[in-house]
Amino acid sequence: MLILDVDGFCHVNRAHGQDAGNAVLREVAEVLRETMRGTDVTGRPGAGAICRP
């Protein structure tokens, strides 16, 4: 199991809006897709667990 903490994610979300935050998450997902084995699985907990005010 690997748990990632995307440093600065909450700041991006707050300062630039949810669309920018979603773009960051898409980029992270793409990097994971490119580097993980085909049998590995990724997931994300509910948004409330990702960024709290």
Protein backbone atom coordinates (compact mmCIF):
# COMPACT_ATOMS: atom_id res chain seq x y z
CA MET A 1 0.00 0.00 0.00
CA LEU A 2 1.23 3.46 -0.87
CA ILE A 3 -0.34 6.62 0.53
CA LEU A 4 0.58 9.91 -1.11
CA ASP A 5 0.38 13.41 0.29
CA VAL A 6 0.39 15.97 -2.52
CA ASP A 7 2.20 18.90 -0.91
CA GLY A 8 0.47 22.20 -1.49
CA PHE A 9 -2.71 20.64 -2.86
CA CYS A 10 -5.01 22.47 -0.45
CA HIS A 11 -3.29 25.76 -1.26
CA VAL A 12 -3.84 25.24 -5.00
CA ASN A 13 -7.48 24.34 -4.40
CA ARG A 14 -8.11 27.37 -2.19
CA ALA A 15 -6.09 29.92 -4.17
CA HIS A 16 -7.00 28.85 -7.71
CA GLY A 17 -10.28 26.98 -7.34
CA GLN A 18 -11.51 23.44 -7.66
CA ASP A 19 -10.84 23.22 -11.40
CA ALA A 20 -7.12 23.85 -10.77
CA GLY A 21 -7.14 21.33 -7.92
CA ASN A 22 -8.74 18.77 -10.21
CA ALA A 23 -6.05 19.44 -12.83
CA VAL A 24 -3.37 18.72 -10.20
CA LEU A 25 -5.07 15.45 -9.29
CA ARG A 26 -5.33 14.46 -12.97
CA GLU A 27 -1.61 15.10 -13.44
CA VAL A 28 -0.72 13.04 -10.35
CA ALA A 29 -2.96 10.24 -11.64
CA GLU A 30 -1.23 10.33 -15.04
CA VAL A 31 2.22 10.06 -13.45
CA LEU A 32 1.01 7.11 -11.37
CA ARG A 33 -0.50 5.45 -14.44
CA GLU A 34 2.79 5.79 -16.32
CA THR A 35 4.92 4.36 -13.50
CA MET A 36 2.77 1.70 -11.85
CA ARG A 37 2.50 -1.94 -12.81
CA GLY A 38 -0.51 -2.96 -14.86
CA THR A 39 -1.84 -4.98 -11.92
CA ASP A 40 -1.65 -2.07 -9.43
CA VAL A 41 -4.81 -0.19 -8.50
CA THR A 42 -5.17 3.47 -7.53
CA GLY A 43 -7.96 5.17 -5.65
CA ARG A 44 -8.88 8.33 -3.80
CA PRO A 45 -10.80 8.71 -0.55
CA GLY A 46 -13.68 11.16 -0.37
CA ALA A 47 -12.84 14.81 -1.09
CA GLY A 48 -13.40 15.78 2.55
CA ALA A 49 -10.42 13.65 3.53
CA ILE A 50 -8.18 15.40 1.00
CA CYS A 51 -8.50 19.09 1.87
CA ARG A 52 -10.04 20.64 4.95
CA PRO A 53 -10.29 24.36 5.65
